[in-house]
C-alpha atoms as a PDB file:
ATOM      1  CA  MET A   1     -21.597 116.060  71.067  1.00  0.00           C
ATOM      2  CA  ARG A   2     -22.246 112.911  73.099  1.00  0.00           C
ATOM      3  CA  GLN A   3     -23.679 114.396  76.103  1.00  0.00           C
ATOM      4  CA  ARG A   4     -22.127 113.952  79.613  1.00  0.00           C
ATOM      5  CA  ASP A   5     -24.313 110.728  80.757  1.00  0.00           C
ATOM      6  CA  GLU A   6     -24.599 109.569  77.185  1.00  0.00           C
ATOM      7  CA  PRO A   7     -22.599 106.003  77.224  1.00  0.00           C
ATOM      8  CA  VAL A   8     -20.248 105.510  74.224  1.00  0.00           C
ATOM      9  CA  ARG A   9     -21.459 102.933  71.614  1.00  0.00           C
ATOM     10  CA  LEU A  10     -18.241 100.999  70.380  1.00  0.00           C
ATOM     11  CA  THR A  11     -19.431  98.752  67.237  1.00  0.00           C
ATOM     12  CA  ARG A  12     -15.956  97.649  66.527  1.00  0.00           C
ATOM     13  CA  ILE A  13     -12.810  97.291  69.190  1.00  0.00           C
ATOM     14  CA  TYR A  14      -9.956  97.196  66.597  1.00  0.00           C
ATOM     15  CA  THR A  15      -9.321  99.936  64.437  1.00  0.00           C
ATOM     16  CA  ARG A  16      -5.881  99.304  63.172  1.00  0.00           C
ATOM     17  CA  GLY A  17      -5.583 102.868  63.858  1.00  0.00           C
ATOM     18  CA  GLY A  18      -2.852 102.224  66.130  1.00  0.00           C
ATOM     19  CA  ASP A  19      -0.573 100.023  64.590  1.00  0.00           C
ATOM     20  CA  THR A  20       1.983 102.674  64.167  1.00  0.00           C
ATOM     21  CA  GLY A  21       2.232 103.815  66.955  1.00  0.00           C
ATOM     22  CA  GLU A  22       0.803 106.641  67.016  1.00  0.00           C
ATOM     23  CA  THR A  23      -3.194 106.934  68.723  1.00  0.00           C
ATOM     24  CA  SER A  24      -6.099 109.254  68.795  1.00  0.00           C
ATOM     25  CA  LEU A  25      -6.632 111.653  71.490  1.00  0.00           C
ATOM     26  CA  GLY A  26     -10.476 112.807  72.703  1.00  0.00           C
ATOM     27  CA  ASP A  27      -9.939 115.621  70.103  1.00  0.00           C
ATOM     28  CA  GLY A  28      -9.228 113.521  67.239  1.00  0.00           C
ATOM     29  CA  SER A  29      -5.844 115.111  67.074  1.00  0.00           C
ATOM     30  CA  ARG A  30      -2.476 112.141  66.898  1.00  0.00           C
ATOM     31  CA  VAL A  31      -0.343 111.489  69.176  1.00  0.00           C
ATOM     32  CA  SER A  32       2.502 109.191  69.443  1.00  0.00           C
ATOM     33  CA  LYS A  33       1.241 106.540  72.210  1.00  0.00           C
ATOM     34  CA  LEU A  34       4.404 108.052  73.621  1.00  0.00           C
ATOM     35  CA  ASP A  35       3.229 111.386  74.533  1.00  0.00           C
ATOM     36  CA  CYS A  36       3.201 112.317  78.176  1.00  0.00           C
ATOM     37  CA  ARG A  37      -0.547 112.049  78.144  1.00  0.00           C
ATOM     38  CA  ILE A  38      -0.491 108.594  76.850  1.00  0.00           C
ATOM     39  CA  GLY A  39       1.162 107.162  79.909  1.00  0.00           C
ATOM     40  CA  ALA A  40      -0.892 109.469  82.327  1.00  0.00           C
ATOM     41  CA  PHE A  41      -4.680 108.351  81.095  1.00  0.00           C
ATOM     42  CA  GLY A  42      -2.488 104.560  80.506  1.00  0.00           C
ATOM     43  CA  THR A  43      -1.786 104.218  84.399  1.00  0.00           C
ATOM     44  CA  VAL A  44      -4.631 106.198  85.565  1.00  0.00           C
ATOM     45  CA  ASP A  45      -6.285 103.054  83.095  1.00  0.00           C
ATOM     46  CA  GLU A  46      -4.223 100.398  85.377  1.00  0.00           C
ATOM     47  CA  LEU A  47      -5.573 102.351  88.145  1.00  0.00           C
ATOM     48  CA  ASN A  48      -9.026 101.162  87.466  1.00  0.00           C
ATOM     49  CA  SER A  49      -7.812  97.821  86.623  1.00  0.00           C
ATOM     50  CA  ALA A  50      -6.389  97.363  90.372  1.00  0.00           C
ATOM     51  CA  LEU A  51      -9.667  99.038  91.477  1.00  0.00           C
ATOM     52  CA  GLY A  52     -11.961  96.554  89.760  1.00  0.00           C
ATOM     53  CA  VAL A  53      -9.799  93.956  91.506  1.00  0.00           C
ATOM     54  CA  VAL A  54      -9.948  95.597  94.473  1.00  0.00           C
ATOM     55  CA  LEU A  55     -14.260  95.014  93.163  1.00  0.00           C
ATOM     56  CA  ALA A  56     -13.884  91.184  92.890  1.00  0.00           C
ATOM     57  CA  GLY A  57     -12.517  90.583  95.621  1.00  0.00           C
ATOM     58  CA  ASP A  58     -14.418  89.900  99.725  1.00  0.00           C
ATOM     59  CA  VAL A  59     -15.204  94.098  99.620  1.00  0.00           C
ATOM     60  CA  ALA A  60     -17.495  95.188 102.474  1.00  0.00           C
ATOM     61  CA  PRO A  61     -20.991  96.614 100.403  1.00  0.00           C
ATOM     62  CA  ASP A  62     -20.483 100.636 101.523  1.00  0.00           C
ATOM     63  CA  MET A  63     -16.100 100.281 100.536  1.00  0.00           C
ATOM     64  CA  GLY A  64     -17.365  98.915  97.545  1.00  0.00           C
ATOM     65  CA  GLU A  65     -20.313 101.446  96.708  1.00  0.00           C
ATOM     66  CA  SER A  66     -17.644 104.378  96.892  1.00  0.00           C
ATOM     67  CA  VAL A  67     -14.657 102.135  95.268  1.00  0.00           C
ATOM     68  CA  ALA A  68     -17.088 101.481  92.242  1.00  0.00           C
ATOM     69  CA  ARG A  69     -18.500 104.555  91.506  1.00  0.00           C
ATOM     70  CA  ILE A  70     -14.846 105.736  91.953  1.00  0.00           C
ATOM     71  CA  GLN A  71     -14.238 103.342  88.514  1.00  0.00           C
ATOM     72  CA  ASN A  72     -16.777 105.759  87.131  1.00  0.00           C
ATOM     73  CA  GLU A  73     -14.625 108.434  88.223  1.00  0.00           C
ATOM     74  CA  LEU A  74     -11.513 107.540  86.767  1.00  0.00           C
ATOM     75  CA  PHE A  75     -12.925 107.079  83.291  1.00  0.00           C
ATOM     76  CA  ASP A  76     -13.890 110.983  83.706  1.00  0.00           C
ATOM     77  CA  VAL A  77     -10.172 111.500  84.404  1.00  0.00           C
ATOM     78  CA  GLY A  78      -8.686 109.546  81.563  1.00  0.00           C
ATOM     79  CA  ALA A  79     -10.990 111.630  79.238  1.00  0.00           C
ATOM     80  CA  ASP A  80      -9.522 114.649  80.726  1.00  0.00           C
ATOM     81  CA  LEU A  81      -5.771 113.842  80.779  1.00  0.00           C
ATOM     82  CA  SER A  82      -7.154 112.275  77.025  1.00  0.00           C
ATOM     83  CA  VAL A  83      -8.299 116.377  75.418  1.00  0.00           C
ATOM     84  CA  PRO A  84      -5.730 118.759  75.458  1.00  0.00           C
ATOM     85  CA  TRP A  85      -6.460 122.043  77.740  1.00  0.00           C
ATOM     86  CA  GLY A  86      -8.382 125.026  76.694  1.00  0.00           C
ATOM     87  CA  ILE A  87     -11.308 122.702  74.630  1.00  0.00           C
ATOM     88  CA  GLY A  88     -14.548 123.656  76.444  1.00  0.00           C
ATOM     89  CA  GLU A  89     -17.516 121.858  76.750  1.00  0.00           C
ATOM     90  CA  ARG A  90     -15.386 119.039  77.518  1.00  0.00           C
ATOM     91  CA  LEU A  91     -16.007 116.581  80.531  1.00  0.00           C
ATOM     92  CA  ARG A  92     -13.628 117.191  82.882  1.00  0.00           C
ATOM     93  CA  VAL A  93     -12.970 117.083  86.596  1.00  0.00           C
ATOM     94  CA  GLU A  94     -14.704 119.795  89.089  1.00  0.00           C
ATOM     95  CA  GLN A  95     -14.072 120.731  92.656  1.00  0.00           C
ATOM     96  CA  THR A  96     -16.700 118.878  93.616  1.00  0.00           C
ATOM     97  CA  SER A  97     -15.253 115.296  93.197  1.00  0.00           C
ATOM     98  CA  ILE A  98     -12.676 116.545  95.132  1.00  0.00           C
ATOM     99  CA  ASP A  99     -14.857 116.954  97.992  1.00  0.00           C
ATOM    100  CA  ALA A 100     -16.268 114.068  97.378  1.00  0.00           C
ATOM    101  CA  LEU A 101     -13.147 112.085  98.032  1.00  0.00           C
ATOM    102  CA  GLU A 102     -12.740 114.453 101.030  1.00  0.00           C
ATOM    103  CA  ARG A 103     -15.770 113.937 102.723  1.00  0.00           C
ATOM    104  CA  LEU A 104     -15.457 109.764 102.061  1.00  0.00           C
ATOM    105  CA  CYS A 105     -11.476 110.465 103.324  1.00  0.00           C
ATOM    106  CA  ASP A 106     -12.986 112.001 106.505  1.00  0.00           C
ATOM    107  CA  ARG A 107     -15.705 109.148 107.044  1.00  0.00           C
ATOM    108  CA  PHE A 108     -14.140 106.427 107.146  1.00  0.00           C
ATOM    109  CA  ASN A 109     -11.030 107.202 108.579  1.00  0.00           C
ATOM    110  CA  GLU A 110     -13.571 108.486 111.611  1.00  0.00           C
ATOM    111  CA  ALA A 111     -13.543 105.188 112.654  1.00  0.00           C
ATOM    112  CA  LEU A 112     -10.334 104.003 112.967  1.00  0.00           C
ATOM    113  CA  PRO A 113      -6.919 104.258 115.383  1.00  0.00           C
ATOM    114  CA  GLU A 114      -4.568 107.124 115.769  1.00  0.00           C
ATOM    115  CA  LEU A 115      -1.878 105.999 113.587  1.00  0.00           C
ATOM    116  CA  ARG A 116       0.811 104.629 116.100  1.00  0.00           C
ATOM    117  CA  SER A 117       3.204 103.876 112.955  1.00  0.00           C
ATOM    118  CA  PHE A 118       3.788 103.571 109.927  1.00  0.00           C
ATOM    119  CA  VAL A 119       1.635 101.413 107.786  1.00  0.00           C
ATOM    120  CA  LEU A 120       2.648  98.370 105.794  1.00  0.00           C
ATOM    121  CA  PRO A 121       0.576  97.274 103.037  1.00  0.00           C
ATOM    122  CA  GLY A 122      -0.572  93.994 103.690  1.00  0.00           C
ATOM    123  CA  GLY A 123      -3.184  92.588 106.627  1.00  0.00           C
ATOM    124  CA  THR A 124      -6.181  91.317 104.823  1.00  0.00           C
ATOM    125  CA  GLU A 125      -6.063  90.932 100.582  1.00  0.00           C
ATOM    126  CA  THR A 126      -8.595  93.668 100.621  1.00  0.00           C
ATOM    127  CA  ALA A 127      -6.380  95.846 102.215  1.00  0.00           C
ATOM    128  CA  ALA A 128      -3.083  94.775  99.931  1.00  0.00           C
ATOM    129  CA  HIS A 129      -4.785  94.780  96.719  1.00  0.00           C
ATOM    130  CA  LEU A 130      -6.416  98.788  97.496  1.00  0.00           C
ATOM    131  CA  HIS A 131      -2.174  99.704  98.884  1.00  0.00           C
ATOM    132  CA  VAL A 132      -1.834  98.427  95.401  1.00  0.00           C
ATOM    133  CA  ALA A 133      -4.832 100.762  93.754  1.00  0.00           C
ATOM    134  CA  ARG A 134      -3.046 103.674  96.160  1.00  0.00           C
ATOM    135  CA  THR A 135       1.197 102.929  95.195  1.00  0.00           C
ATOM    136  CA  ILE A 136      -0.884 103.039  91.307  1.00  0.00           C
ATOM    137  CA  CYS A 137      -2.666 106.047  91.769  1.00  0.00           C
ATOM    138  CA  ARG A 138       0.390 107.655  93.071  1.00  0.00           C
ATOM    139  CA  ARG A 139       2.398 107.015  89.623  1.00  0.00           C
ATOM    140  CA  ALA A 140      -0.239 107.707  88.235  1.00  0.00           C
ATOM    141  CA  GLU A 141      -0.194 111.464  89.753  1.00  0.00           C
ATOM    142  CA  ARG A 142       3.684 111.584  88.737  1.00  0.00           C
ATOM    143  CA  GLU A 143       2.640 111.060  85.548  1.00  0.00           C
ATOM    144  CA  VAL A 144       0.234 113.808  85.218  1.00  0.00           C
ATOM    145  CA  LEU A 145       3.101 115.994  86.929  1.00  0.00           C
ATOM    146  CA  LEU A 146       5.362 115.384  84.388  1.00  0.00           C
ATOM    147  CA  ALA A 147       2.271 116.493  81.192  1.00  0.00           C
ATOM    148  CA  SER A 148       2.096 119.041  83.282  1.00  0.00           C
ATOM    149  CA  GLN A 149       5.032 120.281  82.631  1.00  0.00           C
ATOM    150  CA  GLU A 150       5.424 119.871  78.954  1.00  0.00           C
ATOM    151  CA  LEU A 151       1.662 120.811  78.439  1.00  0.00           C
ATOM    152  CA  GLU A 152      -1.249 122.602  80.241  1.00  0.00           C
ATOM    153  CA  VAL A 153      -3.048 120.076  82.285  1.00  0.00           C
ATOM    154  CA  ASN A 154      -6.208 120.671  83.930  1.00  0.00           C
ATOM    155  CA  PRO A 155      -4.938 121.345  87.926  1.00  0.00           C
ATOM    156  CA  LEU A 156      -7.768 119.490  89.135  1.00  0.00           C
ATOM    157  CA  VAL A 157      -6.621 116.061  88.118  1.00  0.00           C
ATOM    158  CA  LEU A 158      -3.831 116.516  90.052  1.00  0.00           C
ATOM    159  CA  ALA A 159      -5.707 117.116  93.344  1.00  0.00           C
ATOM    160  CA  TYR A 160      -8.361 114.621  92.716  1.00  0.00           C
ATOM    161  CA  LEU A 161      -5.165 111.749  91.782  1.00  0.00           C
ATOM    162  CA  ASN A 162      -3.788 113.291  95.253  1.00  0.00           C
ATOM    163  CA  ARG A 163      -7.148 113.258  97.738  1.00  0.00           C
ATOM    164  CA  LEU A 164      -7.568 109.782  95.498  1.00  0.00           C
ATOM    165  CA  SER A 165      -4.519 108.183  97.265  1.00  0.00           C
ATOM    166  CA  ASP A 166      -4.555 109.789 100.733  1.00  0.00           C
ATOM    167  CA  LEU A 167      -8.229 107.929 100.608  1.00  0.00           C
ATOM    168  CA  LEU A 168      -7.087 104.453  99.049  1.00  0.00           C
ATOM    169  CA  PHE A 169      -4.396 104.295 102.338  1.00  0.00           C
ATOM    170  CA  ILE A 170      -7.803 104.806 104.158  1.00  0.00           C
ATOM    171  CA  LEU A 171      -9.275 101.953 103.209  1.00  0.00           C
ATOM    172  CA  ALA A 172      -7.537  99.975 102.948  1.00  0.00           C
ATOM    173  CA  ARG A 173      -6.144 100.608 106.657  1.00  0.00           C
ATOM    174  CA  ALA A 174     -10.345 100.434 107.635  1.00  0.00           C
ATOM    175  CA  ALA A 175     -10.219  97.110 105.588  1.00  0.00           C
ATOM    176  CA  ASN A 176      -8.200  95.696 107.747  1.00  0.00           C
ATOM    177  CA  ALA A 177     -10.505  96.816 110.773  1.00  0.00           C
ATOM    178  CA  SER A 178     -13.544  95.437 109.988  1.00  0.00           C
ATOM    179  CA  ALA A 179     -12.238  92.350 109.207  1.00  0.00           C
ATOM    180  CA  GLY A 180     -10.678  92.471 112.410  1.00  0.00           C
ATOM    181  CA  VAL A 181      -7.022  92.066 111.790  1.00  0.00           C
ATOM    182  CA  ASP A 182      -4.092  94.112 112.697  1.00  0.00           C
ATOM    183  CA  GLU A 183      -2.260  96.409 109.845  1.00  0.00           C
ATOM    184  CA  PRO A 184       1.421  95.809 109.836  1.00  0.00           C
ATOM    185  CA  LEU A 185       3.225  98.499 111.352  1.00  0.00           C
ATOM    186  CA  TRP A 186       7.045  99.201 110.895  1.00  0.00           C
ATOM    187  CA  LYS A 187       8.872  98.202 113.493  1.00  0.00           C
ATOM    188  CA  PRO A 188      12.699 100.247 113.781  1.00  0.00           C
ATOM    189  CA  GLY A 189      15.329  98.353 114.037  1.00  0.00           C
ATOM    190  CA  SER A 190      13.667  94.896 113.350  1.00  0.00           C
ATOM    191  CA  SER A 191      14.917  94.659 109.742  1.00  0.00           C
ATOM    192  CA  ARG A 192      18.620  94.391 111.730  1.00  0.00           C
END
């Protein structure tokens, strides 16, 4: 079995194994591509791609370092979801990852002004991309919750995604603040 810090080696990308609408889970078992786990970790992959867009833009180095680390952790989340719960000795999301997200929330939120209204997604391009990532994260959380209604799922995956969506909101605010851009705020009655 591959060690936790050992890189994955891929010699060929296409396998033809999914041509009939099935794919393999991390334990080698085959399931439909419509399986709830596939939807859940597919959305986690989409979130990871959205964070790649954030990193491709103009992001502050300290924020970029945090986002890059989260991208790696999202692979751990996907690996956790792709292996049925109860199979031991597998990569699993642990409380330490959630604690680290909470520390990042506190660190980036510390310098932000108190919220005066609901924040509208936007401001800088980086902030807007972080808001998109946040909404994908919320969808991933819902899909993991849905999967947990049918199968046993590591409950820390839900906590991780919940905390990550909070962090992405804070990072979007921090991106606007560091660029000196006022964040767009909801104004009651302005839609009339």
